[in-house]
Amino acid sequence: ESSEFCTRHHDVQKDCAAVRAEIEVLRSERLAYEQEGIQTREALARSEAYCMAIEARVAVLETHAHRLEWQRQAVDDLAVQHILRTQALEAGARDDTLEDTGSSS
């Protein structure tokens, strides 16, 4: 009976040692996962900040593109006005030339 007790006691001690070793492994893994979680959250924060910066840059570029479009439309309008004025002046000059030609004959 004493021998059986010693054997069981020894087995229990081995089991306890194995459980302690497993606990240490799990603690190490937990620390590694916590560290990985911290790094992941930091990477996410950097990514979100970068994304916000890109969104802000896109907004600036869109505003600039709208301004350029308005300027292009204004230039187009000025060009049309200039063409119409030129055509009116040319028509007036032709009329004057015809009147001069008609009155001199």
Protein backbone atom coordinates (compact mmCIF):
# COMPACT_ATOMS: atom_id res chain seq x y z
CA GLU A 1 0.00 0.00 0.00
CA SER A 2 2.84 2.34 0.81
CA SER A 3 4.43 1.61 -2.54
CA GLU A 4 1.15 2.33 -4.31
CA PHE A 5 0.84 5.60 -2.40
CA CYS A 6 4.35 6.60 -3.40
CA THR A 7 3.63 5.76 -7.03
CA ARG A 8 0.39 7.73 -7.05
CA HIS A 9 2.05 10.60 -5.22
CA HIS A 10 4.84 10.62 -7.79
CA ASP A 11 2.30 10.53 -10.66
CA VAL A 12 0.40 13.44 -9.13
CA GLN A 13 3.62 15.42 -8.79
CA LYS A 14 4.43 14.73 -12.46
CA ASP A 15 0.90 15.76 -13.45
CA CYS A 16 1.23 18.96 -11.42
CA ALA A 17 4.56 19.72 -13.07
CA ALA A 18 3.03 19.11 -16.50
CA VAL A 19 0.09 21.38 -15.67
CA ARG A 20 2.47 24.08 -14.41
CA ALA A 21 4.51 23.80 -17.60
CA GLU A 22 1.35 24.07 -19.70
CA ILE A 23 0.28 27.11 -17.67
CA GLU A 24 3.65 28.75 -18.42
CA VAL A 25 3.26 27.99 -22.12
CA LEU A 26 -0.24 29.47 -22.09
CA ARG A 27 1.03 32.57 -20.25
CA SER A 28 3.76 33.01 -22.84
CA GLU A 29 1.25 32.60 -25.65
CA ARG A 30 -1.12 35.05 -23.97
CA LEU A 31 1.66 37.63 -23.72
CA ALA A 32 2.53 37.05 -27.38
CA TYR A 33 -1.14 37.46 -28.38
CA GLU A 34 -1.45 40.60 -26.26
CA GLN A 35 1.66 42.03 -27.91
CA GLU A 36 0.31 41.09 -31.33
CA GLY A 37 -3.00 42.72 -30.41
CA ILE A 38 -1.22 45.93 -29.41
CA GLN A 39 0.73 45.94 -32.68
CA THR A 40 -2.45 45.25 -34.65
CA ARG A 41 -4.30 48.12 -32.95
CA GLU A 42 -1.35 50.44 -33.59
CA ALA A 43 -1.26 49.39 -37.25
CA LEU A 44 -5.01 49.95 -37.50
CA ALA A 45 -4.67 53.42 -35.98
CA ARG A 46 -1.89 54.27 -38.46
CA SER A 47 -3.97 52.91 -41.32
CA GLU A 48 -7.03 54.91 -40.26
CA ALA A 49 -4.94 58.08 -39.94
CA TYR A 50 -3.46 57.48 -43.39
CA CYS A 51 -6.93 56.86 -44.80
CA MET A 52 -8.20 60.11 -43.27
CA ALA A 53 -5.23 61.98 -44.76
CA ILE A 54 -5.98 60.50 -48.19
CA GLU A 55 -9.67 61.44 -47.86
CA ALA A 56 -8.67 65.00 -46.98
CA ARG A 57 -6.31 65.12 -49.97
CA VAL A 58 -9.07 63.80 -52.26
CA ALA A 59 -11.40 66.53 -50.98
CA VAL A 60 -8.75 69.18 -51.72
CA LEU A 61 -8.17 67.77 -55.21
CA GLU A 62 -11.92 67.62 -55.91
CA THR A 63 -12.29 71.26 -54.85
CA HIS A 64 -9.36 72.19 -57.09
CA ALA A 65 -10.88 70.23 -59.99
CA HIS A 66 -14.20 72.07 -59.54
CA ARG A 67 -12.38 75.41 -59.52
CA LEU A 68 -10.54 74.49 -62.70
CA GLU A 69 -13.82 73.46 -64.32
CA TRP A 70 -15.41 76.79 -63.36
CA GLN A 71 -12.38 78.62 -64.77
CA ARG A 72 -12.60 76.60 -68.00
CA GLN A 73 -16.29 77.47 -68.32
CA ALA A 74 -15.52 81.14 -67.70
CA VAL A 75 -12.81 81.07 -70.38
CA ASP A 76 -15.22 79.33 -72.78
CA ASP A 77 -17.83 82.03 -72.08
CA LEU A 78 -15.26 84.78 -72.70
CA ALA A 79 -14.18 83.10 -75.93
CA VAL A 80 -17.79 82.92 -77.16
CA GLN A 81 -18.32 86.60 -76.23
CA HIS A 82 -15.12 87.52 -78.07
CA ILE A 83 -16.17 85.55 -81.16
CA LEU A 84 -19.62 87.18 -81.14
CA ARG A 85 -18.08 90.65 -80.72
CA THR A 86 -15.60 89.96 -83.51
CA GLN A 87 -18.38 88.74 -85.80
CA ALA A 88 -20.46 91.83 -84.97
CA LEU A 89 -17.50 94.12 -85.69
CA GLU A 90 -16.77 92.30 -88.95
CA ALA A 91 -20.44 92.56 -89.97
CA GLY A 92 -20.41 96.27 -89.12
CA ALA A 93 -17.22 96.75 -91.11
CA ARG A 94 -18.76 94.97 -94.12
CA ASP A 95 -21.83 97.18 -93.88
CA ASP A 96 -19.63 100.28 -93.73
CA THR A 97 -17.62 99.03 -96.70
CA LEU A 98 -20.80 98.37 -98.70
CA GLU A 99 -22.14 101.81 -97.82
CA ASP A 100 -18.84 103.42 -98.80
CA THR A 101 -18.78 101.47 -102.05
CA GLY A 102 -22.40 102.30 -102.77
CA SER A 103 -22.02 106.01 -102.07
CA SER A 104 -18.85 106.38 -104.12
CA SER A 105 -20.36 104.96 -107.27
